[in-house]
Amino acid sequence: MLFRRGATRLLAGQISALFDVRLQQWVRIDCWPNAGDHCKTHVLTLVERVQAGTLLLFDRGYLSFAFFDTLTSRGIWWISRYAHQASYQVSHICYQADGILDAIVYLGTSSDNQARYPVRLIQFWLHGRHYR
């Protein structure tokens, strides 16, 4: 059987992995056959055995208000990079000066697309780059 160049069927699949930064060990590695799946498709399976009180770090590809709400309701702490298209409403400003913002926000601006729990937004400039 022949496939076109770039066809996802030529790829072996995807690997999802959970790495313990503190222990410098892999906790779980899963292989998924469909290389075309979005990274958020299997992330709940990956973190299903994570205990409350754990801190998870995510890149912005995992941005999902429902996913973050699920983690928060399970007592799991998380940090994610801000995605530029994500909207938010400021609930409380903890600190704001010299290009730094530390605020409590609700992700999403409309009631039908808003996270259930408030989160902390940290925003600053470093070497001419803006981080959130």
C-alpha atoms as a PDB file:
ATOM      1  CA  MET A   1       0.000   0.000   0.000  1.00  0.00           C
ATOM      2  CA  LEU A   2       1.399   3.439  -0.933  1.00  0.00           C
ATOM      3  CA  PHE A   3       0.837   6.636   1.004  1.00  0.00           C
ATOM      4  CA  ARG A   4       1.489  10.245   0.115  1.00  0.00           C
ATOM      5  CA  ARG A   5       4.427  12.074   1.619  1.00  0.00           C
ATOM      6  CA  GLY A   6       3.376  13.564   4.970  1.00  0.00           C
ATOM      7  CA  ALA A   7       0.449  11.160   5.507  1.00  0.00           C
ATOM      8  CA  THR A   8      -0.110  10.577   9.232  1.00  0.00           C
ATOM      9  CA  ARG A   9      -0.493   6.857   8.548  1.00  0.00           C
ATOM     10  CA  LEU A  10       3.264   6.798   7.876  1.00  0.00           C
ATOM     11  CA  LEU A  11       3.914   7.838  11.464  1.00  0.00           C
ATOM     12  CA  ALA A  12       4.302   5.262  14.197  1.00  0.00           C
ATOM     13  CA  GLY A  13       1.934   7.053  16.562  1.00  0.00           C
ATOM     14  CA  GLN A  14       2.349   9.300  19.594  1.00  0.00           C
ATOM     15  CA  ILE A  15       4.103   9.013  22.888  1.00  0.00           C
ATOM     16  CA  SER A  16       2.579  10.638  25.970  1.00  0.00           C
ATOM     17  CA  ALA A  17       4.828  10.794  28.973  1.00  0.00           C
ATOM     18  CA  LEU A  18       4.678  11.887  32.583  1.00  0.00           C
ATOM     19  CA  PHE A  19       8.048  12.863  34.066  1.00  0.00           C
ATOM     20  CA  ASP A  20       8.763  13.495  37.752  1.00  0.00           C
ATOM     21  CA  VAL A  21      11.057  16.535  37.741  1.00  0.00           C
ATOM     22  CA  ARG A  22      11.921  16.187  41.429  1.00  0.00           C
ATOM     23  CA  LEU A  23      12.970  12.527  41.169  1.00  0.00           C
ATOM     24  CA  GLN A  24      14.246  12.862  37.568  1.00  0.00           C
ATOM     25  CA  GLN A  25      12.329   9.695  36.609  1.00  0.00           C
ATOM     26  CA  TRP A  26       9.675   8.726  34.115  1.00  0.00           C
ATOM     27  CA  VAL A  27       6.429   7.922  35.909  1.00  0.00           C
ATOM     28  CA  ARG A  28       4.416   6.770  32.925  1.00  0.00           C
ATOM     29  CA  ILE A  29       4.922   6.451  29.173  1.00  0.00           C
ATOM     30  CA  ASP A  30       2.028   5.589  26.860  1.00  0.00           C
ATOM     31  CA  CYS A  31       2.123   4.912  23.143  1.00  0.00           C
ATOM     32  CA  TRP A  32      -0.965   5.801  21.107  1.00  0.00           C
ATOM     33  CA  PRO A  33      -1.400   4.424  17.566  1.00  0.00           C
ATOM     34  CA  ASN A  34      -3.005   7.503  15.970  1.00  0.00           C
ATOM     35  CA  ALA A  35      -0.325  10.121  15.270  1.00  0.00           C
ATOM     36  CA  GLY A  36      -3.003  12.604  14.209  1.00  0.00           C
ATOM     37  CA  ASP A  37      -4.651  12.835  17.644  1.00  0.00           C
ATOM     38  CA  HIS A  38      -4.399  16.153  19.459  1.00  0.00           C
ATOM     39  CA  CYS A  39      -2.204  16.078  22.572  1.00  0.00           C
ATOM     40  CA  LYS A  40      -5.271  16.786  24.759  1.00  0.00           C
ATOM     41  CA  THR A  41      -6.992  13.589  23.597  1.00  0.00           C
ATOM     42  CA  HIS A  42      -5.174  11.285  26.026  1.00  0.00           C
ATOM     43  CA  VAL A  43      -3.960  13.640  28.737  1.00  0.00           C
ATOM     44  CA  LEU A  44      -6.644  12.657  31.273  1.00  0.00           C
ATOM     45  CA  THR A  45      -5.570   9.019  30.880  1.00  0.00           C
ATOM     46  CA  LEU A  46      -1.980  10.066  31.457  1.00  0.00           C
ATOM     47  CA  VAL A  47      -2.756  11.860  34.745  1.00  0.00           C
ATOM     48  CA  GLU A  48      -5.497   9.534  36.015  1.00  0.00           C
ATOM     49  CA  ARG A  49      -3.325   8.186  38.856  1.00  0.00           C
ATOM     50  CA  VAL A  50      -1.796  11.520  39.858  1.00  0.00           C
ATOM     51  CA  GLN A  51      -2.498  12.247  43.517  1.00  0.00           C
ATOM     52  CA  ALA A  52      -4.022  15.396  44.970  1.00  0.00           C
ATOM     53  CA  GLY A  53      -1.357  17.910  45.931  1.00  0.00           C
ATOM     54  CA  THR A  54       0.814  17.108  42.913  1.00  0.00           C
ATOM     55  CA  LEU A  55       2.099  19.987  40.782  1.00  0.00           C
ATOM     56  CA  LEU A  56       1.923  19.415  37.016  1.00  0.00           C
ATOM     57  CA  LEU A  57       3.650  21.542  34.370  1.00  0.00           C
ATOM     58  CA  PHE A  58       2.080  21.890  30.911  1.00  0.00           C
ATOM     59  CA  ASP A  59       3.001  23.611  27.712  1.00  0.00           C
ATOM     60  CA  ARG A  60       0.320  25.813  26.195  1.00  0.00           C
ATOM     61  CA  GLY A  61      -0.763  23.049  23.798  1.00  0.00           C
ATOM     62  CA  TYR A  62      -2.713  21.582  26.722  1.00  0.00           C
ATOM     63  CA  LEU A  63      -4.725  24.744  27.332  1.00  0.00           C
ATOM     64  CA  SER A  64      -8.284  23.687  28.054  1.00  0.00           C
ATOM     65  CA  PHE A  65     -10.520  25.326  30.627  1.00  0.00           C
ATOM     66  CA  ALA A  66     -12.398  22.061  31.205  1.00  0.00           C
ATOM     67  CA  PHE A  67      -9.120  20.159  31.678  1.00  0.00           C
ATOM     68  CA  PHE A  68      -7.816  22.735  34.163  1.00  0.00           C
ATOM     69  CA  ASP A  69     -11.144  22.636  36.025  1.00  0.00           C
ATOM     70  CA  THR A  70     -10.890  18.833  36.230  1.00  0.00           C
ATOM     71  CA  LEU A  71      -7.372  19.031  37.661  1.00  0.00           C
ATOM     72  CA  THR A  72      -8.370  21.741  40.140  1.00  0.00           C
ATOM     73  CA  SER A  73     -11.445  19.813  41.318  1.00  0.00           C
ATOM     74  CA  ARG A  74      -9.157  16.803  41.954  1.00  0.00           C
ATOM     75  CA  GLY A  75      -6.854  18.944  44.114  1.00  0.00           C
ATOM     76  CA  ILE A  76      -4.022  18.845  41.577  1.00  0.00           C
ATOM     77  CA  TRP A  77      -1.911  21.985  41.198  1.00  0.00           C
ATOM     78  CA  TRP A  78      -0.847  22.981  37.704  1.00  0.00           C
ATOM     79  CA  ILE A  79       1.203  25.539  35.800  1.00  0.00           C
ATOM     80  CA  SER A  80       0.698  26.266  32.141  1.00  0.00           C
ATOM     81  CA  ARG A  81       2.111  28.771  29.741  1.00  0.00           C
ATOM     82  CA  TYR A  82      -0.439  31.320  28.613  1.00  0.00           C
ATOM     83  CA  ALA A  83      -1.845  30.917  25.112  1.00  0.00           C
ATOM     84  CA  HIS A  84      -2.190  34.233  23.280  1.00  0.00           C
ATOM     85  CA  GLN A  85      -5.752  33.536  22.123  1.00  0.00           C
ATOM     86  CA  ALA A  86      -6.984  32.786  25.650  1.00  0.00           C
ATOM     87  CA  SER A  87      -9.179  35.439  27.189  1.00  0.00           C
ATOM     88  CA  TYR A  88      -9.548  36.158  30.872  1.00  0.00           C
ATOM     89  CA  GLN A  89     -11.306  38.448  33.323  1.00  0.00           C
ATOM     90  CA  VAL A  90      -9.336  39.968  36.191  1.00  0.00           C
ATOM     91  CA  SER A  91     -10.928  39.279  39.554  1.00  0.00           C
ATOM     92  CA  HIS A  92      -8.241  40.727  41.833  1.00  0.00           C
ATOM     93  CA  ILE A  93      -4.831  42.337  41.320  1.00  0.00           C
ATOM     94  CA  CYS A  94      -2.308  41.169  43.923  1.00  0.00           C
ATOM     95  CA  TYR A  95       0.572  43.273  42.572  1.00  0.00           C
ATOM     96  CA  GLN A  96       1.125  45.516  39.575  1.00  0.00           C
ATOM     97  CA  ALA A  97       4.243  47.643  38.970  1.00  0.00           C
ATOM     98  CA  ASP A  98       7.398  47.820  36.834  1.00  0.00           C
ATOM     99  CA  GLY A  99       5.974  45.593  34.091  1.00  0.00           C
ATOM    100  CA  ILE A 100       4.917  42.879  36.535  1.00  0.00           C
ATOM    101  CA  LEU A 101       1.343  41.732  37.027  1.00  0.00           C
ATOM    102  CA  ASP A 102       0.270  39.199  39.634  1.00  0.00           C
ATOM    103  CA  ALA A 103      -3.506  38.734  39.456  1.00  0.00           C
ATOM    104  CA  ILE A 104      -6.328  36.330  40.163  1.00  0.00           C
ATOM    105  CA  VAL A 105      -8.287  35.796  36.943  1.00  0.00           C
ATOM    106  CA  TYR A 106     -11.054  33.704  35.460  1.00  0.00           C
ATOM    107  CA  LEU A 107     -10.090  32.112  32.168  1.00  0.00           C
ATOM    108  CA  GLY A 108     -12.640  32.884  29.465  1.00  0.00           C
ATOM    109  CA  THR A 109     -14.797  35.981  29.130  1.00  0.00           C
ATOM    110  CA  SER A 110     -18.239  34.583  28.375  1.00  0.00           C
ATOM    111  CA  SER A 111     -20.330  32.574  30.828  1.00  0.00           C
ATOM    112  CA  ASP A 112     -20.623  29.636  28.403  1.00  0.00           C
ATOM    113  CA  ASN A 113     -16.842  29.501  27.895  1.00  0.00           C
ATOM    114  CA  GLN A 114     -15.415  30.320  31.316  1.00  0.00           C
ATOM    115  CA  ALA A 115     -13.382  28.224  33.691  1.00  0.00           C
ATOM    116  CA  ARG A 116     -15.152  27.319  36.914  1.00  0.00           C
ATOM    117  CA  TYR A 117     -12.203  28.128  39.188  1.00  0.00           C
ATOM    118  CA  PRO A 118     -10.091  31.277  39.359  1.00  0.00           C
ATOM    119  CA  VAL A 119      -6.392  30.962  38.577  1.00  0.00           C
ATOM    120  CA  ARG A 120      -3.321  33.046  39.192  1.00  0.00           C
ATOM    121  CA  LEU A 121      -1.836  34.944  36.266  1.00  0.00           C
ATOM    122  CA  ILE A 122       1.787  36.028  36.534  1.00  0.00           C
ATOM    123  CA  GLN A 123       3.003  38.340  33.798  1.00  0.00           C
ATOM    124  CA  PHE A 124       6.465  39.937  33.431  1.00  0.00           C
ATOM    125  CA  TRP A 125       9.152  41.125  31.027  1.00  0.00           C
ATOM    126  CA  LEU A 126      12.565  39.432  30.818  1.00  0.00           C
ATOM    127  CA  HIS A 127      15.292  40.415  28.357  1.00  0.00           C
ATOM    128  CA  GLY A 128      12.776  42.248  26.179  1.00  0.00           C
ATOM    129  CA  ARG A 129      10.309  39.321  26.055  1.00  0.00           C
ATOM    130  CA  HIS A 130       6.870  39.278  27.597  1.00  0.00           C
ATOM    131  CA  TYR A 131       5.913  36.154  29.583  1.00  0.00           C
ATOM    132  CA  ARG A 132       2.579  35.058  31.059  1.00  0.00           C
END
